[in-house]
Protein backbone atom coordinates (compact mmCIF):
# COMPACT_ATOMS: atom_id res chain seq x y z
CA MET A 1 60.07 -22.70 193.48
CA PRO A 2 58.78 -25.35 196.36
CA ASN A 3 60.75 -25.58 199.41
CA GLN A 4 61.08 -29.39 198.64
CA MET A 5 62.99 -28.57 195.45
CA LEU A 6 64.95 -26.12 197.35
CA ARG A 7 66.05 -28.81 199.82
CA ALA A 8 66.85 -31.31 197.25
CA LEU A 9 69.02 -28.55 195.45
CA GLY A 10 70.75 -27.75 198.65
CA ALA A 11 71.31 -31.36 199.96
CA SER A 12 71.82 -33.45 196.92
CA ILE A 13 75.12 -34.22 194.98
CA VAL A 14 74.96 -34.41 191.21
CA VAL A 15 74.47 -37.74 189.50
CA ILE A 16 76.68 -37.39 186.29
CA GLY A 17 74.79 -40.00 184.56
CA VAL A 18 71.49 -38.31 184.74
CA ALA A 19 70.74 -35.66 182.08
CA VAL A 20 70.07 -32.38 184.25
CA ALA A 21 68.95 -29.49 182.17
CA GLY A 22 69.08 -25.84 183.51
CA LEU A 23 66.62 -23.08 182.70
CA ILE A 24 66.38 -22.13 178.86
CA GLN A 25 65.78 -18.83 177.67
CA ILE A 26 66.13 -18.74 173.84
CA ALA A 27 65.74 -15.71 171.61
CA ASP A 28 65.70 -15.79 167.68
CA ARG A 29 69.00 -14.36 166.05
CA ASP A 30 69.66 -13.09 162.73
CA ALA A 31 70.27 -15.90 160.27
CA GLY A 32 73.88 -16.39 159.43
CA SER A 33 76.24 -19.18 158.28
CA THR A 34 77.22 -22.45 159.98
CA VAL A 35 77.39 -22.09 163.81
CA ASP A 36 80.99 -23.08 164.90
CA ILE A 37 80.58 -25.23 167.97
CA ASP A 38 83.88 -25.71 169.85
CA THR A 39 84.42 -29.29 168.56
CA ALA A 40 87.85 -29.56 170.08
CA ALA A 41 86.35 -29.28 173.54
CA VAL A 42 83.16 -31.46 173.10
CA ASP A 43 83.66 -33.65 170.18
CA ARG A 44 85.20 -37.10 169.86
CA SER A 45 86.38 -38.66 166.56
CA PRO A 46 83.38 -40.21 164.70
CA THR A 47 83.16 -43.90 165.26
CA THR A 48 81.04 -47.06 164.28
CA THR A 49 83.07 -49.39 166.41
CA PRO A 50 84.00 -49.50 170.18
CA ALA A 51 86.90 -47.89 171.45
CA GLU A 52 89.76 -50.12 171.96
CA SER A 53 89.68 -49.81 175.84
CA ASP A 54 86.08 -50.62 175.89
CA VAL A 55 86.70 -53.93 173.86
CA VAL A 56 89.50 -54.85 176.16
CA ALA A 57 87.30 -54.22 179.30
CA ALA A 58 84.52 -56.35 177.94
CA ARG A 59 86.85 -59.20 176.99
CA ASP A 60 88.61 -59.13 180.45
CA VAL A 61 85.48 -59.45 182.57
CA PRO A 62 84.29 -63.07 183.45
CA GLU A 63 80.94 -63.98 182.17
CA ALA A 64 79.91 -65.07 185.79
CA PHE A 65 80.78 -61.82 187.46
CA THR A 66 77.86 -59.96 188.97
CA TYR A 67 78.48 -56.42 190.43
CA ARG A 68 76.38 -55.92 193.67
CA ILE A 69 75.31 -52.50 194.48
CA GLY A 70 73.49 -51.33 197.55
CA LEU A 71 70.75 -48.62 197.42
CA LEU A 72 69.08 -47.00 200.55
CA GLY A 73 65.78 -46.51 198.93
CA THR A 74 63.30 -48.36 196.87
CA PRO A 75 62.69 -47.15 193.26
CA GLU A 76 59.03 -46.03 193.18
CA ASN A 77 58.21 -46.19 189.41
CA LEU A 78 60.35 -48.11 186.89
CA ASN A 79 58.41 -46.66 183.81
CA PHE A 80 61.12 -44.61 182.02
CA TRP A 81 58.54 -42.27 180.62
CA ALA A 82 57.30 -41.48 184.12
CA PHE A 83 60.86 -41.35 185.62
CA TYR A 84 62.00 -38.77 183.04
CA GLY A 85 58.73 -36.80 182.99
CA SER A 86 58.30 -36.54 186.86
CA PRO A 87 60.41 -35.49 189.70
CA PRO A 88 62.43 -38.77 190.05
CA THR A 89 63.92 -40.38 193.25
CA VAL A 90 67.75 -40.76 192.94
CA TRP A 91 67.33 -44.49 193.46
CA GLU A 92 65.23 -44.41 190.12
CA SER A 93 68.04 -42.40 188.53
CA TYR A 94 70.81 -44.96 189.49
CA ILE A 95 68.95 -47.74 187.97
CA LEU A 96 67.11 -46.26 184.99
CA SER A 97 69.40 -43.83 183.45
CA PRO A 98 71.95 -46.57 182.15
CA THR A 99 68.90 -47.93 180.14
CA LYS A 100 68.65 -45.15 177.75
CA ALA A 101 71.10 -43.63 175.51
CA GLY A 102 71.10 -40.47 173.25
CA LEU A 103 72.87 -39.15 170.16
CA TYR A 104 75.63 -37.75 172.80
CA ARG A 105 76.55 -38.71 176.35
CA LEU A 106 78.21 -36.68 178.75
CA GLU A 107 81.69 -38.23 179.71
CA SER A 108 81.96 -38.49 183.72
CA ASP A 109 85.91 -38.12 183.38
CA THR A 110 86.24 -35.32 180.89
CA LEU A 111 82.67 -33.61 181.37
CA THR A 112 82.56 -33.41 177.54
CA LEU A 113 79.92 -34.67 175.10
CA ALA A 114 81.04 -37.64 173.13
CA PRO A 115 79.05 -39.61 170.38
CA ASP A 116 76.91 -42.22 171.45
CA LEU A 117 74.13 -43.24 169.09
CA ALA A 118 75.23 -40.49 166.67
CA ALA A 119 78.50 -41.11 164.40
CA GLY A 120 79.80 -37.66 165.21
CA LEU A 121 79.00 -34.17 166.54
CA VAL A 122 77.26 -31.95 164.09
CA SER A 123 77.15 -28.05 164.05
CA PRO A 124 73.84 -26.48 163.26
CA THR A 125 73.38 -24.76 159.70
CA TRP A 126 71.11 -22.28 158.23
CA ASP A 127 69.50 -22.16 154.84
CA LYS A 128 66.28 -20.59 153.67
CA GLY A 129 64.40 -23.31 155.48
CA GLY A 130 65.72 -22.20 158.65
CA TRP A 131 68.15 -23.68 161.38
CA ARG A 132 68.83 -27.29 161.59
CA VAL A 133 71.09 -30.18 162.21
CA VAL A 134 71.33 -33.35 159.97
CA VAL A 135 72.91 -36.28 162.11
CA PRO A 136 74.30 -39.60 160.88
CA LEU A 137 73.60 -42.45 163.22
CA ARG A 138 76.02 -45.47 163.91
CA THR A 139 74.83 -48.44 161.97
CA ASP A 140 75.73 -51.09 164.70
CA THR A 141 73.20 -50.20 167.58
CA ARG A 142 70.24 -52.38 168.56
CA PHE A 143 67.72 -52.33 171.32
CA SER A 144 68.06 -55.15 173.75
CA ASP A 145 65.16 -56.98 172.28
CA GLY A 146 67.18 -57.08 168.90
CA ASN A 147 65.46 -54.50 167.06
CA GLU A 148 67.60 -52.05 165.14
CA LEU A 149 67.80 -48.48 166.66
CA THR A 150 67.01 -46.17 163.97
CA ALA A 151 66.30 -42.43 163.12
CA SER A 152 62.51 -43.29 163.44
CA ASP A 153 62.95 -44.14 167.19
CA LEU A 154 64.28 -40.73 168.03
CA ALA A 155 61.48 -39.13 165.75
CA PHE A 156 58.75 -41.42 167.72
CA THR A 157 60.09 -40.16 170.99
CA PHE A 158 60.00 -36.53 170.00
CA ASP A 159 56.44 -36.95 168.55
CA THR A 160 55.23 -38.73 171.89
CA VAL A 161 56.57 -35.96 173.92
CA ARG A 162 54.91 -33.27 171.95
CA LYS A 163 51.54 -35.22 171.40
CA LEU A 164 51.19 -35.93 175.24
CA SER A 165 52.76 -32.69 176.35
CA LEU A 166 55.17 -34.57 178.51
CA GLY A 167 57.01 -32.23 181.12
CA GLY A 168 59.84 -32.65 183.53
CA GLN A 169 63.11 -33.74 181.86
CA TRP A 170 61.38 -34.53 178.64
CA ARG A 171 60.65 -30.71 178.31
CA ASP A 172 64.26 -29.97 178.89
CA ALA A 173 65.28 -32.66 176.34
CA PHE A 174 62.92 -31.37 173.83
CA PRO A 175 62.39 -27.64 174.37
CA GLU A 176 59.80 -25.47 172.28
CA GLU A 177 62.75 -24.48 170.30
CA VAL A 178 62.87 -27.92 168.57
CA ALA A 179 60.47 -27.67 165.84
CA SER A 180 60.64 -31.01 164.43
CA VAL A 181 62.62 -34.31 164.41
CA THR A 182 62.50 -36.22 161.13
CA ALA A 183 64.04 -39.66 160.02
CA LEU A 184 65.41 -39.02 156.59
CA ASP A 185 66.51 -42.46 156.27
CA PRO A 186 67.11 -45.34 158.95
CA HIS A 187 70.46 -43.61 159.86
CA THR A 188 70.02 -40.06 159.19
CA VAL A 189 67.98 -37.84 161.41
CA GLU A 190 67.08 -34.06 160.86
CA ILE A 191 66.32 -31.90 163.68
CA ALA A 192 64.83 -28.47 162.95
CA PHE A 193 64.88 -25.39 165.09
CA THR A 194 62.66 -22.33 165.50
CA GLY A 195 65.59 -20.22 165.61
CA ARG A 196 69.56 -20.37 165.98
CA PRO A 197 69.78 -22.74 168.92
CA SER A 198 71.82 -22.08 171.95
CA LEU A 199 73.90 -24.77 173.56
CA GLU A 200 71.01 -25.80 175.88
CA VAL A 201 69.03 -26.61 172.88
CA TRP A 202 71.76 -28.38 170.86
CA PRO A 203 73.73 -30.25 171.74
CA PHE A 204 72.98 -30.24 175.34
CA GLY A 205 69.23 -30.60 174.99
CA VAL A 206 67.93 -32.79 172.26
CA GLY A 207 71.51 -34.20 171.71
CA THR A 208 71.19 -36.02 174.89
CA ALA A 209 67.38 -36.89 174.83
CA PRO A 210 66.93 -40.49 175.79
CA VAL A 211 65.60 -42.73 172.72
CA MET A 212 62.64 -45.05 173.21
CA SER A 213 61.47 -47.97 171.20
CA ALA A 214 58.99 -47.10 168.49
CA ALA A 215 58.40 -50.99 167.78
CA HIS A 216 57.71 -51.68 171.49
CA TRP A 217 55.53 -48.60 172.43
CA SER A 218 53.85 -47.14 169.43
CA GLU A 219 50.94 -49.56 169.25
CA SER A 220 50.46 -49.76 172.97
CA ILE A 221 50.20 -45.98 173.48
CA ALA A 222 48.21 -45.07 170.33
CA ASP A 223 45.08 -44.68 172.36
CA VAL A 224 46.73 -42.90 175.36
CA ALA A 225 45.31 -39.50 175.87
CA ASP A 226 47.69 -37.83 178.16
CA ALA A 227 50.90 -38.05 180.35
CA ASP A 228 49.18 -39.62 183.24
CA GLY A 229 48.12 -42.34 181.03
CA LEU A 230 51.42 -43.14 179.73
CA PHE A 231 53.25 -42.79 183.25
CA GLY A 232 50.67 -45.18 184.69
CA MET A 233 51.49 -48.05 182.12
CA ASP A 234 53.20 -51.34 182.87
CA ALA A 235 56.75 -50.98 181.57
CA ALA A 236 57.83 -54.49 181.55
CA GLY A 237 59.61 -55.45 178.57
CA ASP A 238 60.68 -52.07 177.56
CA PRO A 239 63.85 -52.59 175.71
CA ALA A 240 67.11 -50.73 176.43
CA SER A 241 68.87 -48.30 174.18
CA GLY A 242 71.64 -47.74 176.48
CA PRO A 243 74.27 -50.17 178.06
CA LEU A 244 72.04 -52.00 180.60
CA GLU A 245 68.58 -53.53 180.29
CA MET A 246 66.53 -53.97 183.54
CA VAL A 247 65.45 -57.68 183.60
CA GLU A 248 64.08 -58.20 187.10
CA ALA A 249 62.54 -55.89 189.66
CA SER A 250 61.07 -56.28 193.09
CA ALA A 251 60.73 -53.93 196.18
CA ASP A 252 64.14 -55.08 197.53
CA ARG A 253 66.03 -56.12 194.43
CA VAL A 254 66.56 -55.11 190.76
CA VAL A 255 68.74 -56.89 188.35
CA SER A 256 70.10 -55.20 185.04
CA GLN A 257 72.09 -57.13 182.45
CA PRO A 258 74.31 -55.77 179.43
CA ASN A 259 72.50 -54.71 176.33
CA SER A 260 74.31 -56.68 173.67
CA GLY A 261 73.21 -54.30 171.07
CA TYR A 262 74.92 -51.26 172.73
CA ALA A 263 78.47 -51.10 171.17
CA GLY A 264 81.42 -50.85 173.41
CA LEU A 265 79.63 -52.12 176.60
CA GLN A 266 81.72 -53.65 179.52
CA GLY A 267 79.69 -56.87 179.95
CA ILE A 268 78.81 -57.32 183.75
CA ASP A 269 75.62 -58.03 185.36
CA ILE A 270 74.54 -55.72 188.15
CA GLU A 271 72.31 -56.63 191.09
CA TYR A 272 70.79 -53.68 193.04
CA LEU A 273 69.91 -54.53 196.70
CA VAL A 274 67.83 -52.36 198.86
CA TYR A 275 68.60 -51.61 202.35
CA GLY A 276 66.24 -49.64 204.82
CA ALA A 277 69.06 -47.55 206.29
CA SER A 278 72.72 -46.65 205.79
CA ALA A 279 73.70 -48.55 208.71
CA GLU A 280 72.35 -51.76 207.23
CA ALA A 281 74.05 -51.09 203.89
CA VAL A 282 77.40 -50.26 205.88
CA ASP A 283 77.08 -53.75 207.62
CA ALA A 284 76.35 -55.55 204.32
CA LEU A 285 79.38 -53.92 202.80
CA ALA A 286 81.61 -54.86 205.81
CA ALA A 287 80.09 -58.48 205.69
CA GLY A 288 80.97 -58.88 201.69
CA GLU A 289 77.32 -58.95 200.72
CA ILE A 290 77.64 -56.10 198.28
CA HIS A 291 80.65 -54.42 196.57
CA THR A 292 79.68 -50.87 197.36
CA PHE A 293 76.51 -48.76 198.02
CA LEU A 294 75.11 -45.59 196.49
CA SER A 295 74.13 -42.61 198.57
CA PRO A 296 73.75 -38.88 197.11
CA ARG A 297 75.77 -37.81 199.89
CA GLY A 298 78.21 -40.27 200.80
CA LEU A 299 79.62 -41.68 203.94
CA THR A 300 79.27 -39.85 207.28
CA VAL A 301 82.47 -39.28 209.32
CA THR A 302 81.55 -42.20 211.53
CA GLU A 303 80.50 -44.69 208.63
CA GLY A 304 83.78 -43.59 206.71
CA GLU A 305 85.98 -44.43 209.76
CA THR A 306 84.39 -47.65 210.43
CA LEU A 307 84.71 -48.93 206.80
CA ALA A 308 88.16 -47.76 206.50
CA ALA A 309 89.20 -49.91 209.45
CA THR A 310 87.44 -52.81 207.78
CA ALA A 311 89.60 -55.48 206.26
CA GLY A 312 88.98 -55.94 202.37
CA VAL A 313 87.27 -52.27 202.28
CA ASP A 314 88.84 -49.18 200.84
CA THR A 315 87.41 -45.61 200.91
CA ILE A 316 87.77 -43.32 198.20
CA THR A 317 87.25 -39.39 198.13
CA SER A 318 85.77 -37.56 195.20
CA PRO A 319 85.05 -34.09 194.30
CA VAL A 320 81.54 -33.22 193.52
CA PHE A 321 79.97 -30.45 191.56
CA GLY A 322 78.92 -28.35 194.57
CA VAL A 323 80.05 -25.55 196.76
CA ARG A 324 79.53 -24.53 200.42
CA TYR A 325 79.07 -20.67 200.86
CA LEU A 326 78.03 -17.79 203.23
CA ALA A 327 74.96 -16.15 201.77
CA PHE A 328 74.25 -12.49 202.83
CA ASN A 329 70.62 -11.05 203.06
CA THR A 330 71.56 -7.87 201.05
CA HIS A 331 67.92 -6.60 202.03
CA ARG A 332 69.15 -6.28 205.73
CA PHE A 333 71.80 -4.07 207.18
CA PRO A 334 74.86 -4.38 207.45
CA MET A 335 74.71 -7.25 204.76
CA SER A 336 73.09 -4.71 202.36
CA ASP A 337 76.52 -2.76 202.53
CA LEU A 338 79.07 -3.91 200.15
CA ALA A 339 81.88 -2.53 202.14
CA PHE A 340 80.71 -4.88 205.10
CA ARG A 341 80.69 -8.00 202.84
CA ARG A 342 84.10 -7.01 201.32
CA ALA A 343 85.44 -6.66 205.01
CA VAL A 344 84.11 -10.14 205.84
CA GLU A 345 85.70 -11.50 202.64
CA LEU A 346 89.03 -10.18 203.94
CA LEU A 347 88.88 -11.31 207.42
CA VAL A 348 87.57 -15.13 206.65
CA ASP A 349 90.78 -16.95 205.96
CA ARG A 350 89.13 -19.43 203.47
CA ASP A 351 92.30 -21.25 202.52
CA SER A 352 93.25 -22.03 206.01
CA LEU A 353 89.59 -22.77 207.26
CA ALA A 354 89.11 -25.20 204.30
CA GLY A 355 92.22 -27.32 205.14
CA THR A 356 91.63 -27.30 208.96
CA VAL A 357 87.93 -27.45 209.23
CA ALA A 358 86.55 -29.37 206.26
CA GLY A 359 89.69 -31.05 205.06
CA ALA A 360 88.58 -29.55 201.61
CA GLU A 361 89.73 -27.30 198.91
CA ALA A 362 89.17 -23.60 199.46
CA ALA A 363 86.61 -21.92 196.97
CA HIS A 364 87.16 -18.38 195.51
CA THR A 365 84.55 -18.87 192.96
CA MET A 366 81.05 -20.54 192.70
CA LEU A 367 82.41 -22.77 189.79
CA PRO A 368 84.14 -25.81 191.39
CA ALA A 369 87.92 -26.02 190.31
CA ALA A 370 87.32 -29.79 189.88
CA ASN A 371 85.39 -29.06 186.66
CA SER A 372 88.53 -28.62 184.50
CA THR A 373 86.39 -28.41 181.42
CA TRP A 374 85.06 -24.83 182.53
CA PHE A 375 87.34 -23.67 185.14
CA ASP A 376 89.90 -21.19 184.11
CA ALA A 377 92.60 -20.72 186.81
CA SER A 378 93.72 -17.58 184.92
CA ARG A 379 90.56 -15.82 185.45
CA ALA A 380 89.78 -17.12 188.94
CA PRO A 381 90.53 -14.52 191.79
CA GLU A 382 94.01 -14.81 193.48
CA THR A 383 94.35 -16.66 196.54
CA LEU A 384 94.90 -14.55 199.56
CA ASP A 385 98.49 -14.76 200.99
CA ALA A 386 97.51 -14.87 204.74
CA SER A 387 101.33 -14.77 205.45
CA GLY A 388 101.72 -11.31 204.06
CA ASP A 389 101.21 -7.93 205.34
CA GLN A 390 97.47 -7.39 205.48
CA SER A 391 97.71 -3.87 206.98
CA PRO A 392 96.90 -2.05 203.67
CA ALA A 393 94.15 -4.32 202.77
CA LEU A 394 92.44 -3.72 206.16
CA ALA A 395 93.22 -0.01 206.11
CA HIS A 396 91.28 0.12 202.57
CA VAL A 397 88.04 -1.97 203.97
CA LEU A 398 88.21 0.27 207.17
CA ASP A 399 88.12 3.36 204.80
CA ASP A 400 84.96 2.07 203.00
CA LEU A 401 83.29 1.12 206.23
CA LYS A 402 84.01 4.59 207.68
CA ALA A 403 82.46 6.08 204.54
CA SER A 404 79.35 4.07 205.48
CA GLY A 405 79.12 5.52 209.05
CA TYR A 406 81.30 2.96 210.84
CA ALA A 407 83.42 4.17 213.85
CA TRP A 408 85.17 2.63 216.70
CA GLN A 409 86.74 3.50 220.04
CA THR A 410 89.59 1.11 219.01
CA GLU A 411 89.94 0.18 215.37
CA PRO A 412 90.63 -3.26 214.02
CA THR A 413 94.22 -3.51 213.27
CA VAL A 414 97.22 -5.97 212.15
CA VAL A 415 99.80 -7.12 214.66
CA GLY A 416 102.20 -9.55 214.10
CA GLY A 417 100.57 -10.50 210.94
CA ALA A 418 97.41 -11.32 212.82
CA PHE A 419 93.99 -9.45 212.73
CA VAL A 420 93.12 -7.84 216.16
CA ALA A 421 89.61 -7.12 216.98
CA GLY A 422 88.19 -3.43 217.26
CA SER A 423 86.10 -2.38 219.93
CA GLY A 424 83.36 0.20 220.71
CA LEU A 425 81.76 -0.19 217.21
CA THR A 426 78.98 2.31 216.36
CA VAL A 427 77.16 2.62 212.98
CA ASP A 428 75.73 6.17 212.52
CA GLY A 429 76.18 6.52 216.06
CA GLN A 430 74.20 3.40 217.09
CA SER A 431 75.54 0.20 218.55
CA PRO A 432 74.71 -2.54 216.08
CA ALA A 433 72.29 -5.49 216.74
CA THR A 434 73.69 -8.99 217.12
CA LEU A 435 74.11 -10.79 213.94
CA THR A 436 73.24 -14.39 213.25
CA ILE A 437 74.60 -17.03 210.82
CA LEU A 438 72.29 -19.80 210.18
CA THR A 439 73.39 -23.38 209.40
CA SER A 440 72.48 -26.83 209.90
CA GLY A 441 74.33 -29.61 211.91
CA ASP A 442 73.47 -32.90 210.54
CA SER A 443 76.00 -35.74 210.61
CA PHE A 444 76.44 -35.78 207.02
CA ASP A 445 78.03 -32.30 206.96
CA PRO A 446 79.23 -31.53 210.56
CA GLU A 447 81.90 -29.17 209.44
CA ARG A 448 79.17 -26.69 208.55
CA ALA A 449 78.70 -25.91 212.50
CA SER A 450 82.41 -25.51 212.89
CA TYR A 451 82.62 -23.25 209.80
CA ALA A 452 79.86 -20.93 211.07
CA ALA A 453 81.66 -20.47 214.40
CA GLU A 454 84.82 -19.58 212.70
CA VAL A 455 83.18 -17.23 210.46
CA ALA A 456 81.40 -15.53 213.40
CA ALA A 457 84.73 -15.04 215.02
CA ALA A 458 86.15 -13.36 211.95
CA ILE A 459 83.23 -10.91 211.66
CA GLU A 460 83.47 -10.19 215.41
CA LEU A 461 87.07 -8.73 214.81
CA LEU A 462 85.11 -5.73 213.14
CA GLY A 463 83.45 -5.24 216.69
CA PHE A 464 80.10 -6.96 215.79
CA ASP A 465 78.43 -9.49 218.14
CA VAL A 466 77.83 -12.66 216.11
CA MET A 467 75.86 -15.68 217.11
CA PRO A 468 75.95 -18.89 215.01
CA VAL A 469 72.67 -20.65 215.10
CA THR A 470 72.75 -24.39 214.30
CA THR A 471 69.53 -25.98 213.64
CA ASP A 472 68.01 -28.88 211.44
CA PHE A 473 68.21 -28.30 207.64
CA ASP A 474 64.75 -27.91 206.81
CA THR A 475 64.50 -25.24 209.40
CA VAL A 476 67.43 -23.47 207.86
CA ILE A 477 65.80 -23.55 204.39
CA ASP A 478 62.48 -22.44 205.70
CA LEU A 479 64.19 -19.45 207.33
CA THR A 480 66.43 -18.46 204.55
CA PHE A 481 63.97 -18.89 201.49
CA THR A 482 60.59 -17.99 202.91
CA PRO A 483 59.78 -14.46 203.28
CA ASP A 484 57.59 -12.96 205.95
CA ASP A 485 54.08 -11.38 205.06
CA GLY A 486 55.78 -8.31 204.11
CA GLY A 487 58.07 -10.25 201.61
CA THR A 488 61.16 -9.78 203.70
CA LEU A 489 63.51 -12.46 204.45
CA GLN A 490 64.18 -13.10 208.08
CA TYR A 491 67.89 -14.11 208.27
CA ASP A 492 71.28 -12.14 208.58
CA MET A 493 73.61 -14.64 206.98
CA ALA A 494 73.31 -18.56 206.27
CA LEU A 495 76.13 -21.14 205.61
CA LEU A 496 74.67 -23.59 203.26
CA GLY A 497 75.60 -25.39 200.08
CA TRP A 498 74.43 -25.96 196.42
CA SER A 499 74.63 -29.01 194.15
CA LEU A 500 75.09 -27.25 190.92
CA GLY A 501 73.40 -29.51 188.35
CA ASN A 502 74.74 -30.32 184.95
CA PRO A 503 78.60 -29.94 185.02
CA GLY A 504 78.84 -30.24 181.31
CA LEU A 505 77.02 -27.01 180.70
CA PRO A 506 76.88 -25.00 184.21
CA SER A 507 73.39 -23.30 184.23
CA PHE A 508 73.31 -22.53 187.88
CA TYR A 509 73.89 -18.76 187.65
CA ALA A 510 70.45 -17.80 186.49
CA ASP A 511 69.05 -19.77 189.57
CA LEU A 512 71.32 -18.37 192.15
CA PHE A 513 71.83 -14.80 190.77
CA GLY A 514 68.93 -13.93 188.49
CA SER A 515 67.01 -11.06 189.85
CA ASN A 516 63.67 -12.99 189.55
CA SER A 517 64.80 -16.33 190.67
CA PRO A 518 62.94 -18.20 193.41
CA ALA A 519 66.23 -19.83 194.51
CA ASN A 520 67.92 -16.33 194.75
CA ASN A 521 67.43 -15.90 198.46
CA THR A 522 70.07 -13.31 199.08
CA GLY A 523 67.80 -10.38 197.60
CA TYR A 524 70.60 -9.59 194.99
CA GLN A 525 69.48 -7.58 192.07
CA SER A 526 71.81 -6.68 189.41
CA THR A 527 70.74 -5.63 185.78
CA ALA A 528 74.47 -6.28 184.69
CA MET A 529 74.29 -9.89 185.97
CA ASP A 530 70.76 -10.33 184.43
CA GLU A 531 72.00 -9.33 181.00
CA LEU A 532 75.06 -11.59 181.24
CA ILE A 533 72.77 -14.38 182.23
CA ARG A 534 70.47 -13.64 179.18
CA ARG A 535 73.66 -13.85 176.78
CA TYR A 536 75.01 -16.88 178.67
CA GLU A 537 71.75 -18.79 178.14
CA ASN A 538 71.64 -17.72 174.60
CA ALA A 539 75.38 -18.62 173.68
CA SER A 540 75.47 -20.98 170.56
CA ASP A 541 79.18 -21.97 171.06
CA LEU A 542 81.36 -23.05 173.93
CA ALA A 543 84.04 -20.44 173.58
CA THR A 544 81.44 -17.48 173.98
CA ALA A 545 79.70 -19.24 176.82
CA ARG A 546 83.03 -19.82 178.63
CA THR A 547 83.93 -16.01 178.37
CA LEU A 548 80.36 -15.03 179.55
CA LEU A 549 80.59 -17.52 182.50
CA TRP A 550 83.85 -15.99 183.68
CA GLU A 551 82.20 -12.45 183.36
CA MET A 552 79.54 -13.68 185.65
CA GLU A 553 82.00 -15.11 188.03
CA GLU A 554 83.79 -11.94 188.09
CA LEU A 555 80.80 -9.71 188.94
CA GLN A 556 79.77 -12.15 191.61
CA ALA A 557 83.11 -11.78 193.18
CA GLN A 558 82.61 -7.99 192.93
CA ASP A 559 79.36 -7.78 194.38
CA LEU A 560 79.57 -10.56 196.82
CA SER A 561 76.06 -11.68 197.49
CA TYR A 562 77.81 -15.06 198.33
CA LEU A 563 80.99 -15.72 199.85
CA PRO A 564 82.17 -19.04 198.29
CA LEU A 565 84.00 -21.09 201.19
CA TYR A 566 84.81 -24.43 199.98
CA PHE A 567 84.27 -27.04 197.39
CA SER A 568 82.40 -30.05 198.26
CA HIS A 569 83.63 -33.72 198.30
CA MET A 570 82.14 -37.11 199.04
CA VAL A 571 83.64 -40.20 200.79
CA GLU A 572 82.45 -43.66 199.57
CA ALA A 573 83.61 -47.12 200.09
CA TYR A 574 83.88 -50.46 197.96
CA ARG A 575 85.24 -54.04 198.59
CA SER A 576 88.65 -53.71 197.29
CA ASP A 577 89.42 -57.27 197.82
CA ALA A 578 86.53 -58.14 195.34
CA ILE A 579 86.76 -55.06 192.79
CA THR A 580 88.82 -52.51 191.35
CA PHE A 581 88.24 -49.37 189.24
CA SER A 582 90.16 -49.03 185.98
CA ALA A 583 90.18 -45.36 186.55
CA PRO A 584 88.91 -42.88 189.22
CA PRO A 585 85.13 -42.46 189.06
CA GLY A 586 85.68 -38.63 188.68
CA LEU A 587 83.28 -35.76 189.60
CA GLY A 588 80.54 -37.07 191.88
CA GLY A 589 82.38 -40.22 192.74
CA ILE A 590 81.03 -43.67 192.37
CA GLN A 591 77.46 -42.61 192.67
CA GLY A 592 77.80 -39.74 190.28
CA ALA A 593 78.81 -42.32 187.62
CA LEU A 594 75.89 -44.58 188.46
CA GLY A 595 77.92 -47.21 190.14
CA ALA A 596 80.90 -46.80 187.75
CA PHE A 597 79.95 -50.17 186.18
CA HIS A 598 81.88 -49.23 183.11
CA LEU A 599 85.18 -49.05 185.18
CA VAL A 600 84.70 -51.90 187.56
CA HIS A 601 86.76 -55.02 187.10
CA PRO A 602 86.75 -58.26 189.54
CA VAL A 603 90.01 -58.81 191.36
CA GLU A 604 91.33 -62.12 190.33
């Protein structure tokens, strides 16, 4: 995995509105009866009319209202084919994602799938012809150019992806396990699979694939030979299948309008204004030129304080689908010793540090608790009661360390409820080398350096000398993910964060814990974890997937290649004297909901 991608994964915040697919590894299974998808968790009642709340929202918004959103970068390519088939910029994601719809959409508040172009959620069935789904479509959906959206448009999109071998997110939306997409009639589509589909294939793969217009594109791309030819085409006039249609675009301004053919749309225009730097966007928001601005990392502490003190501006803090952690290089001593890692787990008071240093929620799992759809409090590790007697727990970890060759002139102990450092530590008769903790110290995440110092102080209770090393983010990534000529990673511990991808179907476990994953920079190797990952990626129902997810969490908590520290959050600002939100934006905040245009109302 290129370091550029690792930097993006480590620094970015998930955009809920963008379809984010994880790694897919599918194996055929024995044929059986109907697959039971957990419809109670992911389905909504079939509908052919807008939800009542959407109708009210659309009726309440004045026709003249324009929602003005600031961006901190210029979209480089507004061709949706290219956007979905190439590494996109986040600015393109904000603008282009709302222009296309799929059979199902991920709801930003519940993180479950709801019917979008489909009339309901359908489970795969098997017969002598193989595995397939037959999906009825809504009959009231049109493209923004007025043409009816039919099953032929989804079939055309699939055929184009296959014919031109489109990659990127197109490959995730139409994985090889999708054998064919056929329009049985204008409002019924049949999707056939090469075997029993996992959840990543159906419904989270092809079920969320964007639908392009056959009427607009089929003739113009008939002679296109490859993806580059398609990606380089002028996309002007490309009709929207989703809630918004892009109608104007320049280097510093993009305008989108409602697609009247998309049922249930809240009717507001959006004007995206591009600024060269966050300072310019802060000034524009303070001056009332825009209602909010989108940034994948939210506001810095200084920006948040400035805007919170500005009349007519409110700030909002939202959880994001990310986690901050301490990574152990398990190929280097003493991090290779599970007894050492468990001692660090005991000595680092995550609950106290999360509140006092980061102002965040402590993490005892890799899966953020804010993802209520997948989080299971009954299976998460219990929070340590720091006010209780820690002497038995310390005695236990010291026994394990002694079995690994540790000895002290004065052992660590507990006095008055507090840990007291040991002295004269030797391991196998030798004084251990100084340990280092790498972390970045940029203004967007200043608590990382403070955290590294606190974690270092906790490890020093064991008798080690520990030195926090704060440097720029790129240097930390290079040091923690680039092995030397001998294939050895040159770090001890690192304090970093992951943005965790698709919250609707968490797929980060293979990336972080898979034995052969390029993103696994701890050196962790576990055949048991690899088998759980394989079974999880092949799960075809949510109940099984949830069970396996928590088995992976429990194994990670036992093996501790990572020590989760706290869950990420972001601060954003908006003009509270001009707009209000009908509900909190949810996981990922305003930017995670692509500006939360479906929740915005003008202040009267």
